[in-house]
Amino acid sequence: MRGTRGVTESGGKQVRTYWRTVAVEAAPPGWRLLSIYGERREVMPIAAWLLQHEHRYVEQDGDEVLAPPQSDREAKIGPETRVVPGVCVEGWGWEVGAVDLEGGSEIWKVLGPDEVGPTDAEWDAEIARRRPKL
């Protein structure tokens, strides 16, 4: 499964954050992800829910090594955990990948099986809201 990464600075060292998928649960039928790419609307079925743990690495002697816990709480209970939608994106074959939450500005909504999708007017209003202001 794919993870997502982020880079931050801490104490003069570059810290890389990686979300590793540790468990997968099939999503019940009807869950979907609504995204907007420019003017294009896209509705994708959510294939699974991915349980992910956060792992941080720092560069040490040219290698990435696991960073120590940042707090007593983290040392006692373990890494941060999140649940994210997993989708089959065209071009990935049959692989279920985590939605890119860090770079996912195109993501608009997640809808459950019983939730009614947005109207054309709601889609249009959201697309207009996202257009760059001149």
N, C-alpha and C. Protein backbone atom coordinates (compact mmCIF):
# COMPACT_ATOMS: atom_id res chain seq x y z
N MET A 1 0.84 -1.18 0.00
CA MET A 1 0.00 0.00 0.00
C MET A 1 0.88 1.24 0.00
N ARG A 2 0.43 2.24 -0.65
CA ARG A 2 1.17 3.49 -0.70
C ARG A 2 0.97 4.26 0.60
N GLY A 3 1.99 4.98 1.00
CA GLY A 3 1.89 5.89 2.13
C GLY A 3 2.09 7.30 1.63
N THR A 4 1.90 8.25 2.49
CA THR A 4 2.13 9.63 2.10
C THR A 4 3.23 10.20 2.96
N ARG A 5 3.94 11.17 2.42
CA ARG A 5 5.08 11.74 3.11
C ARG A 5 4.93 13.24 3.22
N GLY A 6 5.59 13.78 4.22
CA GLY A 6 5.72 15.22 4.39
C GLY A 6 7.10 15.49 4.94
N VAL A 7 7.63 16.68 4.69
CA VAL A 7 8.95 17.04 5.17
C VAL A 7 8.83 18.29 6.02
N THR A 8 9.41 18.26 7.22
CA THR A 8 9.44 19.43 8.11
C THR A 8 10.85 19.55 8.68
N GLU A 9 11.10 20.68 9.34
CA GLU A 9 12.38 20.90 10.01
C GLU A 9 12.15 20.83 11.50
N SER A 10 13.06 20.19 12.23
CA SER A 10 12.97 20.11 13.68
C SER A 10 14.37 20.09 14.25
N GLY A 11 14.69 21.10 15.04
CA GLY A 11 16.01 21.15 15.66
C GLY A 11 17.13 21.16 14.65
N GLY A 12 16.92 21.80 13.50
CA GLY A 12 17.94 21.86 12.47
C GLY A 12 18.04 20.61 11.61
N LYS A 13 17.23 19.60 11.90
CA LYS A 13 17.24 18.37 11.10
C LYS A 13 15.97 18.28 10.28
N GLN A 14 16.12 17.69 9.11
CA GLN A 14 14.96 17.47 8.26
C GLN A 14 14.25 16.21 8.74
N VAL A 15 12.95 16.34 9.01
CA VAL A 15 12.15 15.21 9.49
C VAL A 15 11.16 14.83 8.39
N ARG A 16 11.16 13.58 8.00
CA ARG A 16 10.22 13.09 6.99
C ARG A 16 9.14 12.28 7.69
N THR A 17 7.89 12.61 7.36
CA THR A 17 6.76 11.89 7.93
C THR A 17 6.20 10.95 6.88
N TYR A 18 5.95 9.73 7.28
CA TYR A 18 5.43 8.71 6.38
C TYR A 18 4.26 8.03 7.07
N TRP A 19 3.12 7.95 6.39
CA TRP A 19 1.96 7.24 6.93
C TRP A 19 1.95 5.85 6.32
N ARG A 20 2.15 4.85 7.15
CA ARG A 20 2.21 3.47 6.69
C ARG A 20 0.89 2.76 6.96
N THR A 21 0.34 2.13 5.94
CA THR A 21 -0.89 1.37 6.09
C THR A 21 -0.59 0.08 6.83
N VAL A 22 -1.31 -0.12 7.95
CA VAL A 22 -1.09 -1.31 8.78
C VAL A 22 -2.30 -2.25 8.78
N ALA A 23 -3.45 -1.78 8.29
CA ALA A 23 -4.64 -2.63 8.22
C ALA A 23 -5.57 -2.07 7.15
N VAL A 24 -6.33 -2.97 6.54
CA VAL A 24 -7.27 -2.59 5.48
C VAL A 24 -8.61 -3.25 5.79
N GLU A 25 -9.67 -2.46 5.70
CA GLU A 25 -11.03 -2.97 5.91
C GLU A 25 -11.86 -2.58 4.70
N ALA A 26 -12.49 -3.54 4.05
CA ALA A 26 -13.32 -3.23 2.89
C ALA A 26 -14.41 -2.24 3.28
N ALA A 27 -14.63 -1.25 2.43
CA ALA A 27 -15.69 -0.27 2.68
C ALA A 27 -17.02 -0.86 2.23
N PRO A 28 -18.07 -0.67 3.02
CA PRO A 28 -19.38 -1.13 2.57
C PRO A 28 -19.77 -0.41 1.26
N PRO A 29 -20.56 -1.05 0.42
CA PRO A 29 -20.97 -0.41 -0.83
C PRO A 29 -21.65 0.94 -0.57
N GLY A 30 -21.40 1.88 -1.45
CA GLY A 30 -22.07 3.17 -1.39
C GLY A 30 -21.21 4.31 -0.89
N TRP A 31 -20.08 4.04 -0.25
CA TRP A 31 -19.17 5.11 0.17
C TRP A 31 -18.48 5.66 -1.07
N ARG A 32 -18.36 6.99 -1.16
CA ARG A 32 -17.71 7.58 -2.33
C ARG A 32 -16.98 8.87 -1.98
N LEU A 33 -16.01 9.18 -2.81
CA LEU A 33 -15.16 10.35 -2.66
C LEU A 33 -15.47 11.31 -3.80
N LEU A 34 -15.78 12.56 -3.47
CA LEU A 34 -16.06 13.57 -4.47
C LEU A 34 -14.86 14.49 -4.60
N SER A 35 -14.38 14.66 -5.83
CA SER A 35 -13.21 15.49 -6.08
C SER A 35 -13.50 16.43 -7.24
N ILE A 36 -12.74 17.52 -7.26
CA ILE A 36 -12.85 18.52 -8.32
C ILE A 36 -11.45 18.77 -8.87
N TYR A 37 -11.29 18.56 -10.16
CA TYR A 37 -10.03 18.79 -10.85
C TYR A 37 -10.27 19.92 -11.86
N GLY A 38 -9.91 21.13 -11.49
CA GLY A 38 -10.19 22.27 -12.36
C GLY A 38 -11.68 22.46 -12.47
N GLU A 39 -12.23 22.21 -13.64
CA GLU A 39 -13.67 22.32 -13.87
C GLU A 39 -14.35 20.94 -13.90
N ARG A 40 -13.56 19.88 -13.75
CA ARG A 40 -14.08 18.52 -13.88
C ARG A 40 -14.51 17.95 -12.52
N ARG A 41 -15.66 17.35 -12.50
CA ARG A 41 -16.20 16.67 -11.31
C ARG A 41 -15.85 15.20 -11.39
N GLU A 42 -15.55 14.61 -10.26
CA GLU A 42 -15.28 13.18 -10.25
C GLU A 42 -15.84 12.55 -8.98
N VAL A 43 -16.53 11.44 -9.15
CA VAL A 43 -17.05 10.66 -8.02
C VAL A 43 -16.39 9.28 -8.11
N MET A 44 -15.66 8.92 -7.05
CA MET A 44 -14.96 7.63 -7.03
C MET A 44 -15.49 6.78 -5.89
N PRO A 45 -15.78 5.52 -6.14
CA PRO A 45 -16.18 4.65 -5.03
C PRO A 45 -15.00 4.42 -4.10
N ILE A 46 -15.27 4.39 -2.81
CA ILE A 46 -14.24 4.08 -1.83
C ILE A 46 -14.21 2.56 -1.69
N ALA A 47 -13.06 1.98 -1.98
CA ALA A 47 -12.92 0.52 -1.96
C ALA A 47 -12.66 -0.01 -0.55
N ALA A 48 -11.93 0.78 0.25
CA ALA A 48 -11.54 0.30 1.57
C ALA A 48 -11.21 1.47 2.49
N TRP A 49 -11.19 1.18 3.77
CA TRP A 49 -10.70 2.13 4.78
C TRP A 49 -9.33 1.64 5.20
N LEU A 50 -8.35 2.54 5.19
CA LEU A 50 -6.97 2.18 5.50
C LEU A 50 -6.59 2.75 6.86
N LEU A 51 -6.16 1.89 7.77
CA LEU A 51 -5.65 2.31 9.07
C LEU A 51 -4.16 2.57 8.88
N GLN A 52 -3.72 3.77 9.22
CA GLN A 52 -2.32 4.13 9.02
C GLN A 52 -1.68 4.61 10.31
N HIS A 53 -0.40 4.28 10.47
CA HIS A 53 0.40 4.77 11.59
C HIS A 53 1.42 5.76 11.04
N GLU A 54 1.66 6.81 11.82
CA GLU A 54 2.65 7.82 11.43
C GLU A 54 4.04 7.36 11.86
N HIS A 55 4.98 7.48 10.95
CA HIS A 55 6.38 7.18 11.25
C HIS A 55 7.20 8.39 10.79
N ARG A 56 8.12 8.82 11.65
CA ARG A 56 8.98 9.96 11.31
C ARG A 56 10.43 9.48 11.23
N TYR A 57 11.11 9.98 10.23
CA TYR A 57 12.51 9.62 10.01
C TYR A 57 13.34 10.89 9.94
N VAL A 58 14.58 10.80 10.43
CA VAL A 58 15.53 11.91 10.31
C VAL A 58 16.74 11.38 9.54
N GLU A 59 17.43 12.30 8.88
CA GLU A 59 18.63 11.90 8.16
C GLU A 59 19.80 11.85 9.13
N GLN A 60 20.52 10.74 9.07
CA GLN A 60 21.68 10.56 9.95
C GLN A 60 22.76 9.85 9.14
N ASP A 61 23.87 10.50 8.96
CA ASP A 61 24.99 9.94 8.20
C ASP A 61 24.56 9.47 6.82
N GLY A 62 23.70 10.25 6.16
CA GLY A 62 23.26 9.93 4.81
C GLY A 62 22.13 8.92 4.72
N ASP A 63 21.70 8.38 5.85
CA ASP A 63 20.59 7.41 5.86
C ASP A 63 19.41 8.00 6.62
N GLU A 64 18.22 7.50 6.31
CA GLU A 64 17.04 7.87 7.09
C GLU A 64 16.88 6.86 8.22
N VAL A 65 16.78 7.36 9.45
CA VAL A 65 16.57 6.48 10.61
C VAL A 65 15.30 6.92 11.32
N LEU A 66 14.66 5.97 11.97
CA LEU A 66 13.41 6.25 12.68
C LEU A 66 13.67 7.29 13.76
N ALA A 67 12.87 8.35 13.77
CA ALA A 67 13.02 9.41 14.77
C ALA A 67 12.48 8.93 16.11
N PRO A 68 13.08 9.38 17.21
CA PRO A 68 12.57 8.99 18.52
C PRO A 68 11.20 9.63 18.77
N PRO A 69 10.42 9.07 19.71
CA PRO A 69 9.12 9.67 20.05
C PRO A 69 9.29 11.14 20.43
N GLN A 70 8.30 11.96 20.05
CA GLN A 70 8.37 13.39 20.33
C GLN A 70 7.81 13.76 21.69
N SER A 71 7.12 12.84 22.34
CA SER A 71 6.51 13.16 23.63
C SER A 71 6.43 11.89 24.48
N ASP A 72 6.22 12.08 25.80
CA ASP A 72 6.03 10.93 26.68
C ASP A 72 4.78 10.15 26.27
N ARG A 73 3.74 10.89 25.87
CA ARG A 73 2.49 10.26 25.46
C ARG A 73 2.74 9.33 24.27
N GLU A 74 3.46 9.84 23.28
CA GLU A 74 3.75 9.03 22.10
C GLU A 74 4.58 7.81 22.46
N ALA A 75 5.53 7.98 23.38
CA ALA A 75 6.37 6.85 23.81
C ALA A 75 5.52 5.77 24.48
N LYS A 76 4.47 6.17 25.20
CA LYS A 76 3.64 5.21 25.94
C LYS A 76 2.60 4.53 25.06
N ILE A 77 1.95 5.30 24.17
CA ILE A 77 0.83 4.72 23.42
C ILE A 77 1.13 4.42 21.96
N GLY A 78 2.28 4.84 21.47
CA GLY A 78 2.64 4.52 20.10
C GLY A 78 2.37 5.67 19.15
N PRO A 79 2.52 5.40 17.85
CA PRO A 79 2.43 6.46 16.85
C PRO A 79 1.00 6.99 16.68
N GLU A 80 0.92 8.18 16.11
CA GLU A 80 -0.39 8.73 15.73
C GLU A 80 -1.02 7.78 14.73
N THR A 81 -2.34 7.71 14.76
CA THR A 81 -3.09 6.81 13.89
C THR A 81 -4.18 7.58 13.18
N ARG A 82 -4.45 7.21 11.94
CA ARG A 82 -5.56 7.82 11.20
C ARG A 82 -6.20 6.76 10.32
N VAL A 83 -7.43 7.03 9.91
CA VAL A 83 -8.14 6.18 8.97
C VAL A 83 -8.44 7.04 7.75
N VAL A 84 -8.04 6.56 6.57
CA VAL A 84 -8.25 7.32 5.34
C VAL A 84 -8.94 6.45 4.31
N PRO A 85 -9.66 7.09 3.38
CA PRO A 85 -10.28 6.32 2.30
C PRO A 85 -9.21 5.74 1.38
N GLY A 86 -9.47 4.53 0.91
CA GLY A 86 -8.63 3.91 -0.11
C GLY A 86 -9.44 3.78 -1.39
N VAL A 87 -8.84 4.20 -2.50
CA VAL A 87 -9.54 4.17 -3.79
C VAL A 87 -8.67 3.47 -4.83
N CYS A 88 -9.31 2.98 -5.88
CA CYS A 88 -8.59 2.43 -7.04
C CYS A 88 -8.56 3.54 -8.09
N VAL A 89 -7.40 4.13 -8.25
CA VAL A 89 -7.26 5.23 -9.20
C VAL A 89 -6.90 4.66 -10.57
N GLU A 90 -7.53 5.20 -11.61
CA GLU A 90 -7.23 4.75 -12.96
C GLU A 90 -5.73 4.89 -13.21
N GLY A 91 -5.15 3.86 -13.77
CA GLY A 91 -3.72 3.88 -14.02
C GLY A 91 -2.92 3.15 -12.95
N TRP A 92 -3.53 2.87 -11.80
CA TRP A 92 -2.83 2.12 -10.75
C TRP A 92 -3.13 0.63 -10.87
N GLY A 93 -3.86 0.23 -11.87
CA GLY A 93 -4.27 -1.16 -11.96
C GLY A 93 -5.31 -1.45 -10.90
N TRP A 94 -5.15 -2.56 -10.21
CA TRP A 94 -6.12 -2.95 -9.18
C TRP A 94 -5.69 -2.54 -7.79
N GLU A 95 -4.61 -1.81 -7.67
CA GLU A 95 -4.11 -1.41 -6.36
C GLU A 95 -5.04 -0.42 -5.68
N VAL A 96 -5.31 -0.66 -4.41
CA VAL A 96 -6.05 0.30 -3.59
C VAL A 96 -5.02 1.20 -2.92
N GLY A 97 -5.11 2.50 -3.18
CA GLY A 97 -4.15 3.44 -2.61
C GLY A 97 -4.84 4.43 -1.71
N ALA A 98 -4.09 4.92 -0.74
CA ALA A 98 -4.61 5.93 0.18
C ALA A 98 -4.83 7.24 -0.56
N VAL A 99 -5.89 7.92 -0.21
CA VAL A 99 -6.13 9.25 -0.74
C VAL A 99 -5.01 10.15 -0.21
N ASP A 100 -4.46 10.99 -1.07
CA ASP A 100 -3.37 11.89 -0.67
C ASP A 100 -3.95 13.08 0.08
N LEU A 101 -3.95 12.99 1.41
CA LEU A 101 -4.54 14.06 2.21
C LEU A 101 -3.68 15.30 2.26
N GLU A 102 -2.35 15.13 2.20
CA GLU A 102 -1.47 16.30 2.25
C GLU A 102 -1.55 17.12 0.97
N GLY A 103 -1.64 16.44 -0.17
CA GLY A 103 -1.68 17.14 -1.44
C GLY A 103 -3.04 17.10 -2.08
N GLY A 104 -4.05 16.72 -1.31
CA GLY A 104 -5.37 16.46 -1.86
C GLY A 104 -6.30 17.64 -1.91
N SER A 105 -5.85 18.76 -2.42
CA SER A 105 -6.73 19.93 -2.47
C SER A 105 -7.91 19.71 -3.40
N GLU A 106 -7.82 18.70 -4.27
CA GLU A 106 -8.93 18.42 -5.17
C GLU A 106 -10.07 17.69 -4.47
N ILE A 107 -9.80 17.11 -3.30
CA ILE A 107 -10.84 16.38 -2.56
C ILE A 107 -11.86 17.38 -2.02
N TRP A 108 -13.14 17.07 -2.22
CA TRP A 108 -14.20 17.94 -1.73
C TRP A 108 -14.93 17.31 -0.56
N LYS A 109 -15.48 16.11 -0.77
CA LYS A 109 -16.32 15.48 0.25
C LYS A 109 -16.17 13.97 0.22
N VAL A 110 -16.49 13.37 1.35
CA VAL A 110 -16.69 11.92 1.44
C VAL A 110 -18.15 11.73 1.80
N LEU A 111 -18.85 10.91 1.02
CA LEU A 111 -20.27 10.66 1.28
C LEU A 111 -20.49 9.20 1.63
N GLY A 112 -21.36 8.98 2.60
CA GLY A 112 -21.73 7.64 3.02
C GLY A 112 -22.81 7.06 2.13
N PRO A 113 -23.13 5.78 2.34
CA PRO A 113 -24.10 5.09 1.50
C PRO A 113 -25.47 5.75 1.44
N ASP A 114 -25.93 6.34 2.53
CA ASP A 114 -27.27 6.92 2.54
C ASP A 114 -27.29 8.42 2.27
N GLU A 115 -26.13 9.02 2.04
CA GLU A 115 -26.08 10.46 1.81
C GLU A 115 -26.35 10.77 0.34
N VAL A 116 -27.17 11.78 0.12
CA VAL A 116 -27.50 12.23 -1.23
C VAL A 116 -26.35 13.08 -1.74
N GLY A 117 -25.97 12.85 -2.98
CA GLY A 117 -24.89 13.63 -3.59
C GLY A 117 -25.32 15.07 -3.84
N PRO A 118 -24.34 15.93 -4.10
CA PRO A 118 -24.65 17.34 -4.33
C PRO A 118 -25.42 17.55 -5.63
N THR A 119 -26.17 18.62 -5.65
CA THR A 119 -26.89 19.01 -6.87
C THR A 119 -25.90 19.64 -7.84
N ASP A 120 -26.33 19.82 -9.09
CA ASP A 120 -25.47 20.51 -10.07
C ASP A 120 -25.12 21.90 -9.57
N ALA A 121 -26.07 22.58 -8.95
CA ALA A 121 -25.82 23.94 -8.44
C ALA A 121 -24.76 23.92 -7.34
N GLU A 122 -24.79 22.90 -6.48
CA GLU A 122 -23.78 22.79 -5.41
C GLU A 122 -22.40 22.49 -5.99
N TRP A 123 -22.34 21.60 -6.98
CA TRP A 123 -21.06 21.35 -7.66
C TRP A 123 -20.53 22.65 -8.26
N ASP A 124 -21.39 23.35 -9.00
CA ASP A 124 -20.96 24.59 -9.67
C ASP A 124 -20.49 25.63 -8.68
N ALA A 125 -21.17 25.75 -7.54
CA ALA A 125 -20.77 26.73 -6.52
C ALA A 125 -19.41 26.37 -5.94
N GLU A 126 -19.15 25.09 -5.71
CA GLU A 126 -17.85 24.68 -5.17
C GLU A 126 -16.74 24.89 -6.19
N ILE A 127 -17.01 24.60 -7.45
CA ILE A 127 -16.02 24.84 -8.51
C ILE A 127 -15.70 26.32 -8.59
N ALA A 128 -16.73 27.17 -8.53
CA ALA A 128 -16.52 28.62 -8.58
C ALA A 128 -15.72 29.09 -7.37
N ARG A 129 -15.99 28.55 -6.20
CA ARG A 129 -15.27 28.94 -4.98
C ARG A 129 -13.78 28.62 -5.08
N ARG A 130 -13.45 27.56 -5.78
CA ARG A 130 -12.05 27.12 -5.90
C ARG A 130 -11.27 27.84 -6.99
N ARG A 131 -11.96 28.53 -7.88
CA ARG A 131 -11.25 29.23 -8.96
C ARG A 131 -10.32 30.28 -8.39
N PRO A 132 -9.13 30.39 -8.98
CA PRO A 132 -8.20 31.43 -8.51
C PRO A 132 -8.80 32.82 -8.67
N LYS A 133 -8.59 33.63 -7.66
CA LYS A 133 -9.09 35.01 -7.71
C LYS A 133 -8.08 35.86 -8.48
N LEU A 134 -8.56 36.69 -9.36
CA LEU A 134 -7.67 37.56 -10.15
C LEU A 134 -7.38 38.85 -9.44
